[in-house]
């Protein structure tokens, strides 16, 4: 089965969301997210990862731990 090529109308990925150490532990969805787009809460071990970036396995949101925040 051949899938169609993406069109130019596809949205580019959203930039990573900046997270401060004060926001840890990091979970997705965030408490500020709206109720209609919630998925099961997942905790992301962003501080334990060498690149200090994490991607939610449900929605694909990308988070970045800002060392200066």
C-alpha atoms as a PDB file:
ATOM      1  CA  UNK A   1       0.000   0.000   0.000  1.00  0.00           C
ATOM      2  CA  UNK A   2       1.482   3.328  -1.044  1.00  0.00           C
ATOM      3  CA  UNK A   3       0.787   6.309   1.148  1.00  0.00           C
ATOM      4  CA  UNK A   4       0.451   9.762  -0.401  1.00  0.00           C
ATOM      5  CA  UNK A   5       3.334  12.162  -0.020  1.00  0.00           C
ATOM      6  CA  UNK A   6       2.838  14.878   2.594  1.00  0.00           C
ATOM      7  CA  UNK A   7       1.578  18.121   1.157  1.00  0.00           C
ATOM      8  CA  UNK A   8       2.979  21.567   1.796  1.00  0.00           C
ATOM      9  CA  UNK A   9      -0.098  22.375   3.873  1.00  0.00           C
ATOM     10  CA  UNK A  10       1.178  20.149   6.676  1.00  0.00           C
ATOM     11  CA  UNK A  11       2.063  22.117   9.778  1.00  0.00           C
ATOM     12  CA  UNK A  12       5.690  22.138  10.852  1.00  0.00           C
ATOM     13  CA  UNK A  13       6.381  20.563  14.235  1.00  0.00           C
ATOM     14  CA  UNK A  14       5.899  22.802  17.235  1.00  0.00           C
ATOM     15  CA  UNK A  15       9.067  24.043  18.922  1.00  0.00           C
ATOM     16  CA  UNK A  16      10.093  22.275  22.134  1.00  0.00           C
ATOM     17  CA  UNK A  17       8.408  23.498  25.296  1.00  0.00           C
ATOM     18  CA  UNK A  18      10.926  24.952  27.745  1.00  0.00           C
ATOM     19  CA  UNK A  19      10.824  23.361  31.189  1.00  0.00           C
ATOM     20  CA  UNK A  20      12.532  24.719  34.312  1.00  0.00           C
ATOM     21  CA  UNK A  21      13.863  22.511  37.104  1.00  0.00           C
ATOM     22  CA  UNK A  22      11.117  23.971  39.307  1.00  0.00           C
ATOM     23  CA  UNK A  23       8.581  22.299  36.964  1.00  0.00           C
ATOM     24  CA  UNK A  24       9.941  18.803  37.639  1.00  0.00           C
ATOM     25  CA  UNK A  25       8.773  16.104  37.716  1.00  0.00           C
ATOM     26  CA  UNK A  26       7.619  16.577  34.149  1.00  0.00           C
ATOM     27  CA  UNK A  27       4.341  15.029  33.102  1.00  0.00           C
ATOM     28  CA  UNK A  28       2.355  15.221  29.902  1.00  0.00           C
ATOM     29  CA  UNK A  29      -0.285  16.500  29.542  1.00  0.00           C
ATOM     30  CA  UNK A  30       0.698  19.580  31.521  1.00  0.00           C
ATOM     31  CA  UNK A  31      -1.698  20.894  34.194  1.00  0.00           C
ATOM     32  CA  UNK A  32      -2.382  23.934  31.999  1.00  0.00           C
ATOM     33  CA  UNK A  33      -3.538  21.842  29.007  1.00  0.00           C
ATOM     34  CA  UNK A  34      -7.209  21.925  28.097  1.00  0.00           C
ATOM     35  CA  UNK A  35      -9.413  19.013  29.088  1.00  0.00           C
ATOM     36  CA  UNK A  36     -10.561  18.078  25.567  1.00  0.00           C
ATOM     37  CA  UNK A  37      -7.097  17.091  24.364  1.00  0.00           C
ATOM     38  CA  UNK A  38      -5.993  15.098  27.413  1.00  0.00           C
ATOM     39  CA  UNK A  39      -4.453  11.663  27.164  1.00  0.00           C
ATOM     40  CA  UNK A  40      -3.304   9.378  29.995  1.00  0.00           C
ATOM     41  CA  UNK A  41      -0.719  11.135  32.154  1.00  0.00           C
ATOM     42  CA  UNK A  42       2.838  10.015  31.517  1.00  0.00           C
ATOM     43  CA  UNK A  43       5.891  11.140  33.462  1.00  0.00           C
ATOM     44  CA  UNK A  44       8.932  11.939  31.341  1.00  0.00           C
ATOM     45  CA  UNK A  45      12.397  11.515  32.939  1.00  0.00           C
ATOM     46  CA  UNK A  46      13.804  14.580  31.213  1.00  0.00           C
ATOM     47  CA  UNK A  47      16.464  15.310  33.873  1.00  0.00           C
ATOM     48  CA  UNK A  48      17.910  11.800  33.483  1.00  0.00           C
ATOM     49  CA  UNK A  49      18.378  12.016  29.719  1.00  0.00           C
ATOM     50  CA  UNK A  50      21.768  13.224  28.417  1.00  0.00           C
ATOM     51  CA  UNK A  51      20.259  15.632  25.868  1.00  0.00           C
ATOM     52  CA  UNK A  52      17.650  16.774  28.439  1.00  0.00           C
ATOM     53  CA  UNK A  53      14.893  16.563  25.828  1.00  0.00           C
ATOM     54  CA  UNK A  54      11.878  14.295  25.992  1.00  0.00           C
ATOM     55  CA  UNK A  55       9.033  13.459  23.628  1.00  0.00           C
ATOM     56  CA  UNK A  56       5.599  12.402  24.817  1.00  0.00           C
ATOM     57  CA  UNK A  57       4.754   8.963  23.400  1.00  0.00           C
ATOM     58  CA  UNK A  58       1.045   9.873  23.189  1.00  0.00           C
ATOM     59  CA  UNK A  59       0.896  13.318  21.600  1.00  0.00           C
ATOM     60  CA  UNK A  60       4.451  13.906  20.370  1.00  0.00           C
ATOM     61  CA  UNK A  61       4.966  17.084  22.404  1.00  0.00           C
ATOM     62  CA  UNK A  62       8.658  17.831  22.777  1.00  0.00           C
ATOM     63  CA  UNK A  63      10.068  19.217  26.022  1.00  0.00           C
ATOM     64  CA  UNK A  64      13.463  20.752  26.719  1.00  0.00           C
ATOM     65  CA  UNK A  65      14.962  21.209  30.194  1.00  0.00           C
ATOM     66  CA  UNK A  66      16.437  24.709  30.233  1.00  0.00           C
ATOM     67  CA  UNK A  67      19.544  24.696  32.456  1.00  0.00           C
ATOM     68  CA  UNK A  68      19.297  28.481  32.897  1.00  0.00           C
ATOM     69  CA  UNK A  69      15.628  28.638  33.909  1.00  0.00           C
END
